[in-house]
Amino acid sequence: MNGMSDVRLTLHSQELEAGQEPAMSTLTRNRWSLFWCRRRTRKALLDLTAEQLRDIGLTAEQARQEGLKPFWRS
């Protein structure tokens, strides 16, 4: 294991011994925030009218393709 993994394991074991929930890393929190943002905006694309799509420069087909992408894909 590398040094960073050893530190994480030590901190995790200390949290468990103290009866605490392990802290979520900032990277994990940021990743989930990104996923939720993608999901929300992609679902919103599916609800736009033809006029709204024209305003943002997308065709209905482009909006549909983007809106149906899974949230974990960029």
Protein backbone atom coordinates (compact mmCIF):
# COMPACT_ATOMS: atom_id res chain seq x y z
CA MET A 1 0.00 0.00 0.00
CA ASN A 2 1.09 3.55 -0.52
CA GLY A 3 1.42 6.07 2.31
CA MET A 4 -1.93 7.74 1.63
CA SER A 5 -3.81 4.45 1.95
CA ASP A 6 -2.14 3.72 5.27
CA VAL A 7 -3.23 7.11 6.62
CA ARG A 8 -6.80 6.59 5.44
CA LEU A 9 -6.97 3.13 7.02
CA THR A 10 -5.63 4.49 10.31
CA LEU A 11 -8.14 7.36 10.35
CA HIS A 12 -10.98 5.03 9.40
CA SER A 13 -10.12 2.60 12.19
CA GLN A 14 -9.95 5.49 14.70
CA GLU A 15 -13.38 6.71 13.60
CA LEU A 16 -14.81 3.21 14.01
CA GLU A 17 -13.26 2.83 17.47
CA ALA A 18 -14.74 6.19 18.51
CA GLY A 19 -18.15 5.10 17.22
CA GLN A 20 -18.20 7.80 14.55
CA GLU A 21 -19.44 7.51 11.00
CA PRO A 22 -16.49 7.70 8.59
CA ALA A 23 -16.23 11.13 7.00
CA MET A 24 -17.06 11.37 3.31
CA SER A 25 -14.12 12.67 1.35
CA THR A 26 -14.38 15.98 -0.46
CA LEU A 27 -13.72 14.21 -3.74
CA THR A 28 -16.63 11.84 -3.16
CA ARG A 29 -18.94 14.71 -2.19
CA ASN A 30 -17.92 16.70 -5.27
CA ARG A 31 -18.42 13.69 -7.52
CA TRP A 32 -21.94 13.09 -6.19
CA SER A 33 -22.75 16.79 -6.56
CA LEU A 34 -21.66 16.59 -10.19
CA PHE A 35 -23.75 13.45 -10.76
CA TRP A 36 -26.87 15.05 -9.25
CA CYS A 37 -26.35 18.22 -11.29
CA ARG A 38 -26.04 16.19 -14.49
CA ARG A 39 -29.16 14.20 -13.66
CA ARG A 40 -31.20 17.31 -12.90
CA THR A 41 -30.11 19.26 -15.98
CA ARG A 42 -30.51 16.29 -18.31
CA LYS A 43 -34.04 15.68 -17.06
CA ALA A 44 -34.78 19.39 -17.55
CA LEU A 45 -33.64 19.17 -21.19
CA LEU A 46 -36.36 16.61 -21.84
CA ASP A 47 -39.04 19.09 -20.68
CA LEU A 48 -37.99 22.03 -22.86
CA THR A 49 -40.29 23.27 -25.61
CA ALA A 50 -39.20 23.61 -29.24
CA GLU A 51 -38.89 27.37 -28.76
CA GLN A 52 -36.70 26.97 -25.66
CA LEU A 53 -34.49 24.46 -27.47
CA ARG A 54 -34.13 26.87 -30.38
CA ASP A 55 -33.06 29.59 -27.90
CA ILE A 56 -30.20 27.45 -26.61
CA GLY A 57 -29.26 26.19 -30.06
CA LEU A 58 -30.25 22.53 -29.75
CA THR A 59 -32.47 20.38 -31.87
CA ALA A 60 -35.07 18.13 -30.25
CA GLU A 61 -32.96 15.10 -31.19
CA GLN A 62 -29.81 16.56 -29.59
CA ALA A 63 -31.74 17.37 -26.40
CA ARG A 64 -33.24 13.87 -26.34
CA GLN A 65 -29.83 12.21 -26.77
CA GLU A 66 -28.28 14.30 -24.00
CA GLY A 67 -31.32 14.00 -21.75
CA LEU A 68 -31.35 10.21 -21.94
CA LYS A 69 -27.65 9.80 -21.11
CA PRO A 70 -27.00 8.17 -17.73
CA PHE A 71 -25.89 10.66 -15.08
CA TRP A 72 -22.49 9.01 -14.71
CA ARG A 73 -21.52 9.68 -18.32
CA SER A 74 -20.03 13.02 -19.27
